[in-house]
Protein backbone atom coordinates (compact mmCIF):
# COMPACT_ATOMS: atom_id res chain seq x y z
CA MET A 1 105.47 -21.88 -43.14
CA GLY A 2 102.25 -20.61 -44.86
CA PHE A 3 104.11 -20.39 -48.16
CA GLY A 4 105.30 -23.91 -47.83
CA MET A 5 101.95 -25.22 -47.01
CA ALA A 6 100.31 -23.38 -49.95
CA THR A 7 102.94 -24.64 -52.46
CA HIS A 8 102.68 -28.19 -51.19
CA LEU A 9 98.88 -28.10 -51.84
CA VAL A 10 99.54 -26.76 -55.33
CA SER A 11 101.95 -29.61 -56.00
CA GLN A 12 99.29 -32.10 -55.02
CA GLY A 13 96.91 -30.70 -57.63
CA TYR A 14 94.77 -28.39 -55.53
CA PRO A 15 93.72 -25.02 -56.85
CA VAL A 16 95.08 -22.58 -54.34
CA ILE A 17 94.47 -18.86 -54.31
CA GLY A 18 96.98 -17.14 -52.10
CA PHE A 19 97.19 -13.59 -50.55
CA ASP A 20 100.02 -12.01 -48.65
CA VAL A 21 100.72 -8.45 -47.71
CA TYR A 22 104.24 -8.81 -49.08
CA ALA A 23 103.97 -8.71 -52.88
CA PRO A 24 107.20 -10.62 -53.67
CA THR A 25 105.80 -13.56 -51.76
CA ILE A 26 102.76 -13.66 -54.10
CA SER A 27 105.03 -13.43 -57.14
CA ARG A 28 107.04 -16.49 -55.83
CA PHE A 29 103.75 -18.32 -55.22
CA VAL A 30 102.55 -17.66 -58.71
CA ALA A 31 105.88 -18.92 -60.04
CA GLU A 32 105.26 -22.10 -58.16
CA GLY A 33 101.86 -22.58 -59.91
CA GLY A 34 99.60 -20.89 -57.47
CA LEU A 35 96.94 -18.28 -58.17
CA ALA A 36 97.24 -14.68 -56.90
CA ALA A 37 94.45 -12.94 -55.02
CA SER A 38 94.17 -9.18 -54.94
CA SER A 39 92.66 -9.05 -51.49
CA LEU A 40 91.81 -11.25 -48.55
CA ALA A 41 88.22 -11.45 -49.68
CA ASP A 42 89.48 -12.47 -53.18
CA ALA A 43 91.39 -15.33 -51.62
CA ALA A 44 88.33 -16.62 -49.52
CA GLN A 45 86.17 -17.77 -52.30
CA MET A 46 86.49 -21.40 -51.15
CA ASP A 47 87.77 -23.34 -48.20
CA THR A 48 90.25 -21.10 -46.42
CA VAL A 49 93.52 -21.80 -44.60
CA VAL A 50 94.83 -18.99 -42.32
CA MET A 51 98.51 -19.06 -41.47
CA VAL A 52 99.82 -15.75 -40.09
CA ALA A 53 102.09 -14.92 -37.10
CA THR A 54 99.81 -13.55 -34.34
CA ALA A 55 96.16 -13.59 -33.07
CA ALA A 56 95.93 -9.88 -33.95
CA GLN A 57 96.81 -10.71 -37.55
CA VAL A 58 94.18 -13.54 -37.58
CA GLN A 59 91.52 -11.11 -36.27
CA ALA A 60 92.36 -8.60 -39.00
CA ALA A 61 92.59 -11.18 -41.80
CA VAL A 62 89.26 -12.77 -40.93
CA PHE A 63 87.00 -10.15 -39.34
CA GLU A 64 88.08 -6.67 -40.38
CA ALA A 65 86.56 -4.85 -43.30
CA GLU A 66 87.38 -6.57 -46.62
CA GLY A 67 88.60 -9.58 -44.51
CA ALA A 68 88.03 -13.21 -45.40
CA LEU A 69 84.74 -13.66 -43.56
CA GLU A 70 82.93 -11.36 -46.01
CA ALA A 71 83.61 -13.66 -48.88
CA LEU A 72 83.47 -17.24 -47.31
CA PRO A 73 80.82 -19.24 -48.92
CA LYS A 74 78.09 -20.87 -46.80
CA GLY A 75 79.51 -23.90 -45.01
CA ALA A 76 83.09 -23.08 -45.85
CA ARG A 77 85.86 -24.85 -43.95
CA LEU A 78 88.08 -22.32 -42.16
CA LEU A 79 91.40 -23.80 -40.92
CA LEU A 80 93.33 -21.70 -38.37
CA CYS A 81 96.84 -23.04 -38.52
CA SER A 82 98.51 -20.18 -36.55
CA THR A 83 99.64 -20.67 -33.07
CA THR A 84 97.29 -18.62 -30.87
CA PRO A 85 95.95 -18.86 -27.35
CA SER A 86 92.97 -21.13 -27.04
CA VAL A 87 90.83 -18.46 -25.62
CA PHE A 88 91.33 -16.41 -28.77
CA VAL A 89 90.19 -19.30 -31.01
CA GLN A 90 87.15 -19.91 -28.66
CA GLY A 91 86.39 -16.23 -28.98
CA MET A 92 86.71 -16.48 -32.78
CA GLN A 93 84.04 -19.28 -32.78
CA ALA A 94 81.82 -17.05 -30.65
CA GLU A 95 82.32 -14.09 -32.99
CA LEU A 96 81.37 -16.14 -36.08
CA GLU A 97 78.19 -17.08 -34.39
CA ARG A 98 77.42 -13.43 -33.33
CA LYS A 99 77.95 -12.34 -36.90
CA GLY A 100 75.43 -14.90 -38.13
CA ARG A 101 78.18 -17.16 -39.63
CA GLY A 102 77.83 -20.18 -37.46
CA ASP A 103 77.71 -22.06 -40.70
CA VAL A 104 81.44 -21.69 -41.11
CA LEU A 105 83.29 -24.93 -40.07
CA LEU A 106 86.11 -23.53 -37.89
CA VAL A 107 89.02 -25.96 -37.21
CA ASP A 108 91.55 -24.94 -34.66
CA CYS A 109 94.62 -26.67 -36.12
CA PRO A 110 98.03 -25.22 -35.16
CA VAL A 111 101.05 -26.83 -36.84
CA SER A 112 104.67 -27.67 -35.97
CA GLY A 113 107.64 -28.62 -38.13
CA GLY A 114 109.07 -25.54 -39.84
CA ALA A 115 109.13 -24.19 -43.37
CA LEU A 116 110.86 -27.17 -45.07
CA ARG A 117 108.45 -29.76 -43.59
CA ALA A 118 105.50 -27.48 -44.48
CA ALA A 119 106.64 -27.49 -48.07
CA GLN A 120 107.00 -31.32 -48.01
CA GLY A 121 103.55 -31.83 -46.41
CA LYS A 122 105.18 -33.31 -43.43
CA LEU A 123 103.88 -31.13 -40.57
CA SER A 124 102.66 -32.17 -37.21
CA ILE A 125 99.08 -30.90 -36.81
CA MET A 126 96.98 -30.67 -33.62
CA ALA A 127 93.27 -30.27 -34.53
CA GLY A 128 90.30 -29.37 -32.46
CA GLY A 129 86.84 -28.43 -33.50
CA SER A 130 83.30 -29.74 -33.77
CA ALA A 131 83.02 -33.36 -34.94
CA GLU A 132 81.56 -32.09 -38.30
CA ALA A 133 84.21 -29.44 -38.85
CA VAL A 134 87.15 -31.90 -38.21
CA ALA A 135 85.43 -34.64 -40.51
CA GLN A 136 84.85 -32.06 -43.30
CA ALA A 137 88.43 -30.83 -43.00
CA ARG A 138 90.28 -34.02 -42.47
CA PHE A 139 91.33 -34.50 -46.13
CA LEU A 140 93.12 -31.11 -46.12
CA LEU A 141 94.69 -31.76 -42.72
CA GLU A 142 95.96 -35.09 -43.77
CA GLU A 143 97.36 -33.59 -46.93
CA MET A 144 99.45 -31.07 -44.98
CA ALA A 145 100.53 -33.51 -42.19
CA ASP A 146 103.05 -36.28 -42.18
CA ARG A 147 101.96 -39.77 -41.92
CA GLY A 148 100.76 -40.37 -38.32
CA LYS A 149 101.27 -36.81 -37.23
CA LEU A 150 97.65 -35.50 -37.42
CA ALA A 151 96.31 -35.48 -33.76
CA VAL A 152 92.60 -34.82 -33.43
CA VAL A 153 92.29 -33.52 -29.89
CA LYS A 154 89.01 -34.03 -27.85
CA GLY A 155 87.46 -30.90 -26.52
CA GLY A 156 86.33 -28.87 -29.50
CA VAL A 157 87.62 -25.47 -30.61
CA GLY A 158 90.59 -24.45 -28.41
CA ALA A 159 91.77 -28.00 -27.65
CA GLY A 160 94.11 -28.01 -30.58
CA SER A 161 95.65 -24.75 -29.36
CA ASP A 162 96.00 -26.10 -25.84
CA MET A 163 97.85 -29.19 -27.16
CA LYS A 164 100.09 -26.95 -29.24
CA MET A 165 100.66 -24.68 -26.13
CA ALA A 166 101.71 -27.68 -24.07
CA HIS A 167 104.07 -28.89 -26.79
CA GLN A 168 105.63 -25.26 -26.91
CA VAL A 169 106.58 -25.67 -23.21
CA LEU A 170 109.14 -28.14 -24.45
CA ALA A 171 110.01 -26.48 -27.70
CA ALA A 172 110.69 -23.11 -26.04
CA ILE A 173 112.85 -24.51 -23.29
CA HIS A 174 114.81 -26.80 -25.72
CA ILE A 175 115.56 -23.89 -28.07
CA LEU A 176 117.18 -21.86 -25.30
CA ALA A 177 118.80 -24.95 -23.86
CA ALA A 178 120.60 -25.51 -27.14
CA SER A 179 122.07 -22.02 -27.09
CA GLU A 180 122.97 -22.32 -23.36
CA ALA A 181 124.67 -25.66 -23.90
CA MET A 182 126.57 -24.49 -27.00
CA GLY A 183 127.38 -21.17 -25.44
CA LEU A 184 128.99 -22.90 -22.43
CA ALA A 185 130.94 -25.24 -24.78
CA ALA A 186 132.25 -22.16 -26.55
CA LYS A 187 133.26 -20.53 -23.22
CA LEU A 188 135.05 -23.69 -22.32
CA GLY A 189 136.99 -23.58 -25.70
CA LEU A 190 135.62 -26.76 -27.05
CA ASP A 191 135.28 -27.78 -30.67
CA LEU A 192 131.60 -27.19 -31.18
CA GLY A 193 131.39 -29.61 -34.14
CA TRP A 194 132.67 -32.34 -31.76
CA VAL A 195 130.24 -31.32 -29.10
CA ARG A 196 127.25 -31.46 -31.39
CA GLU A 197 128.31 -35.11 -32.52
CA LYS A 198 128.58 -36.19 -28.96
CA VAL A 199 125.32 -34.64 -27.89
CA VAL A 200 123.25 -36.02 -30.69
CA GLY A 201 124.23 -39.51 -29.67
CA SER A 202 123.52 -38.92 -25.99
CA GLU A 203 120.76 -38.50 -23.36
CA GLY A 204 121.17 -34.76 -23.99
CA ARG A 205 119.66 -34.89 -27.56
CA SER A 206 116.62 -33.08 -28.58
CA PHE A 207 115.03 -32.23 -31.91
CA MET A 208 115.76 -28.49 -31.23
CA PHE A 209 119.44 -29.11 -30.50
CA GLU A 210 119.84 -31.12 -33.68
CA ASN A 211 117.90 -28.47 -35.69
CA ARG A 212 119.41 -25.35 -34.23
CA SER A 213 123.02 -26.26 -33.65
CA PRO A 214 124.04 -26.38 -37.45
CA ARG A 215 122.91 -22.77 -37.79
CA MET A 216 125.04 -21.88 -34.72
CA LEU A 217 128.07 -23.50 -36.20
CA GLU A 218 127.56 -21.57 -39.40
CA GLU A 219 126.57 -18.45 -37.51
CA ARG A 220 123.64 -18.19 -39.96
CA TYR A 221 121.07 -16.00 -38.37
CA VAL A 222 119.72 -14.00 -41.23
CA PRO A 223 117.38 -14.61 -42.97
CA PRO A 224 115.92 -16.60 -40.00
CA ALA A 225 114.55 -20.10 -40.37
CA SER A 226 112.76 -19.45 -37.11
CA ALA A 227 112.74 -15.83 -35.89
CA LEU A 228 113.22 -14.98 -32.16
CA THR A 229 110.04 -12.88 -32.35
CA ILE A 230 107.95 -15.92 -33.23
CA SER A 231 109.53 -18.00 -30.52
CA LEU A 232 108.99 -15.23 -27.95
CA LYS A 233 105.32 -14.99 -29.08
CA ASP A 234 104.87 -18.77 -28.57
CA ALA A 235 106.55 -18.64 -25.16
CA GLY A 236 104.30 -15.68 -24.13
CA ILE A 237 101.25 -17.73 -24.97
CA VAL A 238 102.48 -20.45 -22.57
CA THR A 239 103.27 -18.10 -19.64
CA SER A 240 100.22 -15.92 -19.98
CA MET A 241 97.77 -18.89 -20.32
CA ALA A 242 99.56 -20.67 -17.48
CA SER A 243 99.22 -17.63 -15.28
CA LEU A 244 95.51 -17.30 -16.28
CA ARG A 245 94.94 -20.84 -15.19
CA GLY A 246 96.92 -20.58 -11.98
CA PHE A 247 99.78 -22.97 -12.99
CA PRO A 248 103.48 -22.34 -12.35
CA THR A 249 105.87 -22.72 -15.32
CA PRO A 250 109.20 -21.62 -13.92
CA LEU A 251 111.30 -22.98 -16.84
CA ALA A 252 109.18 -21.52 -19.56
CA SER A 253 108.99 -18.18 -17.70
CA THR A 254 112.83 -18.08 -17.45
CA VAL A 255 112.96 -18.78 -21.20
CA GLU A 256 110.59 -15.96 -21.93
CA GLN A 257 112.71 -13.51 -19.96
CA VAL A 258 115.89 -14.51 -21.73
CA TYR A 259 113.98 -14.15 -25.13
CA LEU A 260 113.08 -10.64 -24.07
CA SER A 261 116.72 -9.93 -23.31
CA GLY A 262 117.57 -11.08 -26.88
CA LEU A 263 114.82 -8.88 -28.27
CA SER A 264 116.15 -5.79 -26.43
CA LEU A 265 119.52 -6.37 -28.07
CA GLY A 266 117.96 -6.28 -31.58
CA MET A 267 117.96 -10.08 -32.18
CA GLY A 268 114.08 -10.20 -32.76
CA PRO A 269 114.12 -10.47 -36.53
CA GLU A 270 117.01 -12.93 -36.46
CA ASP A 271 117.06 -16.62 -36.07
CA ASP A 272 116.55 -17.91 -32.48
CA ALA A 273 119.71 -19.94 -32.82
CA GLY A 274 121.54 -16.61 -32.51
CA LEU A 275 120.68 -16.55 -28.77
CA ILE A 276 124.04 -18.37 -28.33
CA ARG A 277 125.49 -14.76 -28.56
CA LEU A 278 124.03 -14.05 -25.09
CA TYR A 279 126.52 -16.58 -23.81
CA TYR A 280 129.43 -16.23 -26.11
CA PRO A 281 129.32 -12.93 -28.19
CA LYS A 282 132.63 -13.48 -30.08
CA PRO A 283 132.67 -15.10 -33.57
CA LEU A 284 132.51 -18.90 -33.24
CA SER A 285 134.78 -19.21 -36.11
CA GLN A 286 137.61 -18.25 -33.81
CA LEU A 287 137.20 -21.34 -31.54
CA PRO A 288 139.73 -24.29 -31.87
CA LYS A 289 138.95 -27.17 -34.09
CA SER A 290 141.04 -29.71 -32.30
CA LEU A 291 140.67 -31.92 -29.21
CA ASN A 292 142.71 -31.94 -25.89
CA GLU A 293 142.87 -33.94 -22.90
CA GLN A 294 139.98 -32.16 -21.25
CA THR A 295 137.58 -32.28 -24.22
CA GLU A 296 135.95 -35.49 -23.16
CA SER A 297 135.29 -34.55 -19.50
CA GLN A 298 134.14 -31.08 -20.47
CA THR A 299 131.82 -32.37 -23.12
CA LYS A 300 130.23 -34.37 -20.47
CA PHE A 301 129.25 -31.05 -18.78
CA ILE A 302 127.38 -30.10 -21.85
CA VAL A 303 125.39 -33.45 -22.09
CA ASP A 304 124.72 -33.24 -18.34
CA LEU A 305 123.38 -29.72 -18.70
CA LEU A 306 121.05 -30.55 -21.54
CA ALA A 307 119.86 -33.76 -20.04
CA SER A 308 118.99 -32.12 -16.70
CA ILE A 309 117.14 -29.23 -18.50
CA HIS A 310 115.22 -31.67 -20.72
CA LEU A 311 114.36 -33.83 -17.76
CA CYS A 312 112.68 -30.96 -15.86
CA ALA A 313 111.12 -29.55 -19.05
CA ALA A 314 109.41 -32.90 -19.63
CA ALA A 315 108.12 -32.69 -15.99
CA GLU A 316 106.83 -29.14 -16.48
CA ALA A 317 105.13 -29.98 -19.65
CA ILE A 318 103.47 -33.27 -18.40
CA ALA A 319 102.17 -31.52 -15.24
CA PHE A 320 100.75 -28.75 -17.38
CA VAL A 321 98.97 -31.18 -19.67
CA GLU A 322 97.27 -32.71 -16.69
CA HIS A 323 96.24 -29.30 -15.47
CA LEU A 324 94.79 -28.50 -18.97
CA GLY A 325 92.87 -31.82 -18.94
CA LEU A 326 94.49 -33.07 -22.09
CA GLU A 327 95.23 -36.76 -22.79
CA GLN A 328 98.68 -37.68 -21.76
CA ALA A 329 99.08 -40.56 -24.18
CA GLN A 330 98.17 -38.31 -27.06
CA PHE A 331 100.40 -35.65 -25.92
CA SER A 332 103.33 -38.05 -25.75
CA ASP A 333 102.60 -39.21 -29.33
CA VAL A 334 102.53 -35.56 -30.43
CA VAL A 335 105.81 -34.61 -28.72
CA ASN A 336 107.81 -37.63 -29.83
CA ALA A 337 106.85 -36.99 -33.44
CA ALA A 338 107.29 -33.21 -33.35
CA ALA A 339 109.84 -30.43 -32.58
CA GLY A 340 109.43 -30.78 -28.78
CA GLY A 341 110.86 -34.36 -28.65
CA SER A 342 113.95 -35.28 -26.72
CA TRP A 343 115.73 -38.36 -25.42
CA MET A 344 114.69 -37.45 -21.91
CA PHE A 345 111.03 -37.05 -22.81
CA ARG A 346 110.86 -40.35 -24.66
CA GLU A 347 112.70 -42.30 -21.80
CA ARG A 348 111.45 -40.53 -18.72
CA GLY A 349 108.04 -39.25 -19.92
CA PRO A 350 106.21 -42.50 -19.39
CA GLY A 351 107.35 -42.80 -15.79
CA MET A 352 106.45 -39.21 -15.02
CA ILE A 353 102.97 -39.81 -16.62
CA ALA A 354 102.59 -42.94 -14.36
CA LYS A 355 103.67 -40.75 -11.33
CA ARG A 356 100.91 -38.28 -12.09
CA GLU A 357 98.29 -40.94 -12.77
CA ALA A 358 99.15 -43.08 -9.75
CA ARG A 359 100.41 -40.26 -7.43
CA GLY A 360 103.67 -42.12 -6.77
CA LYS A 361 102.17 -45.68 -6.61
CA GLY A 362 103.98 -46.82 -9.71
CA SER A 363 106.32 -45.99 -12.60
CA SER A 364 106.62 -47.61 -16.02
CA VAL A 365 110.40 -46.99 -15.98
CA PRO A 366 112.45 -49.74 -14.33
CA LYS A 367 114.16 -48.34 -11.25
CA GLU A 368 117.69 -49.38 -12.32
CA GLN A 369 117.20 -47.24 -15.45
CA GLN A 370 116.60 -44.11 -13.39
CA ARG A 371 118.87 -41.81 -11.50
CA SER A 372 118.07 -40.26 -8.03
CA ILE A 373 117.37 -36.57 -7.83
CA GLU A 374 120.44 -36.28 -5.52
CA SER A 375 122.57 -37.77 -8.51
CA TRP A 376 121.22 -35.03 -10.79
CA ILE A 377 122.01 -32.36 -8.22
CA GLU A 378 125.61 -33.56 -7.97
CA SER A 379 126.22 -33.60 -11.77
CA LEU A 380 124.43 -30.28 -12.43
CA SER A 381 126.32 -28.60 -9.51
CA ALA A 382 129.55 -29.50 -11.26
CA VAL A 383 128.26 -27.96 -14.51
CA VAL A 384 127.18 -24.76 -12.85
CA GLN A 385 130.59 -24.41 -11.15
CA ALA A 386 132.37 -24.95 -14.47
CA ALA A 387 130.23 -22.21 -15.99
CA ARG A 388 131.00 -19.96 -13.07
CA ASP A 389 134.63 -20.51 -13.55
CA VAL A 390 134.58 -19.15 -17.15
CA ASN A 391 131.98 -16.47 -16.34
CA CYS A 392 129.21 -18.07 -18.52
CA PRO A 393 125.57 -17.45 -17.40
CA LEU A 394 123.39 -20.50 -17.15
CA TYR A 395 119.81 -19.24 -16.92
CA LEU A 396 118.17 -22.49 -17.35
CA GLY A 397 120.87 -24.56 -15.79
CA ASN A 398 120.63 -22.63 -12.49
CA GLU A 399 116.84 -22.58 -12.58
CA VAL A 400 116.76 -26.39 -12.89
CA LEU A 401 119.45 -26.76 -10.11
CA ASN A 402 117.24 -24.76 -7.71
CA LEU A 403 114.28 -26.76 -8.63
CA LEU A 404 116.10 -29.95 -7.81
CA LEU A 405 117.36 -28.49 -4.52
CA VAL A 406 113.76 -27.76 -3.52
CA MET A 407 112.82 -31.37 -4.24
CA LYS A 408 115.77 -32.44 -1.87
CA ARG A 409 114.59 -30.12 0.79
CA LYS A 410 111.18 -31.72 0.64
CA GLY A 411 112.87 -35.06 1.34
CA TRP A 412 112.78 -36.41 -2.20
CA GLY A 413 116.57 -36.39 -2.87
CA GLU A 414 116.77 -40.26 -3.01
CA CYS A 415 113.66 -40.54 -5.17
CA ALA A 416 113.90 -41.79 -8.74
CA ASP A 417 114.26 -38.89 -11.30
CA CYS A 418 110.72 -39.40 -12.66
CA SER A 419 109.54 -38.07 -9.20
CA ILE A 420 110.55 -34.55 -10.35
CA VAL A 421 107.11 -34.22 -11.77
CA LYS A 422 105.80 -33.98 -8.14
CA PHE A 423 107.29 -30.51 -7.87
CA TRP A 424 104.23 -29.36 -9.72
CA ASP A 425 101.81 -31.37 -7.62
CA SER A 426 99.97 -29.09 -5.22
CA SER A 427 98.79 -32.08 -3.25
CA ALA A 428 102.29 -33.47 -2.74
CA GLU A 429 103.28 -33.86 0.95
CA THR A 430 106.08 -31.48 2.20
């Protein structure tokens, strides 16, 4: 994504000096009109955008010998666009001050959208920092963000990373849900192209399903558009920070464990869409391309599986946002415009937020548009049995079913589905 962001700025007339440890990337950048730096310090002669994979890489790029900090001019803007834990970014601010570089205007601004949108200047950006830092950097942030997709998050440095982390709860779950659903469809012998078409027009739709499923259909996992190692890193930020803050994330934690299983099988450098092979290891090209009398009813299993996972993912994320002290309205805007979006979040999210804010005294979703928790249990139980019949694991599907069954045991089976968010409410009556 960093390459796309840099070339977009070049295309808009900005003088951009780029550095990368991989020399061919620099050669490509120069071919696109950029300027090559011989070192990190050489690249940091002006305002600096850092876009690397991990917090450790950020630390090395900025603070180690011959890093960017040594060369940053006084009052320079330093935009950290990588996805890192908020505690790391806050520590970065503290280290700048310890080193006598409190003049550097640090903006905590992780991005979402992928390499293509980065190159188009159409990213979603979640920015936190001091009022001065954000104001000084706004022109660059707006240049890289799509219209209406720059969210300035209150709370200073770390707030942008917290907002991105909450978004990644949804993104991580939806990525695995796409593989789980398409893997079940393959096990059932369905035409995956037909399944994709039906899902995209249904309540099972998500950005991640639309984005990942074409790569599954083509079995195009190398080179990766989104490597499993990166998705695992983001999921790990969610689970480690949630644990640190004493918040349960059962779905995100399940995702992390499945990602680790993929990593142990050598899938780390490959596209995360390749996780479908955990469910259906045979070539997808061998599947039928025709419909039969069971196709319609079995396709409903796929839609029901995705919709139930997305419903509970929305609840987990919304409850986490409240725990983090972030603004729910802003979070909703970010999600609906970014890669964590889904039909379920858009349609059920407002009601869940109302449940959190009013603790069950109201919902913005008309009752007739909701289903009972009991109804979801019934439909998902049928999906789980269908998967069991064809020996297909449903890691998320079974986790969601158990969550719903706990809700029923608490006496909430007849409650509207937006009430699922109460599962994460420690003050809820049992």
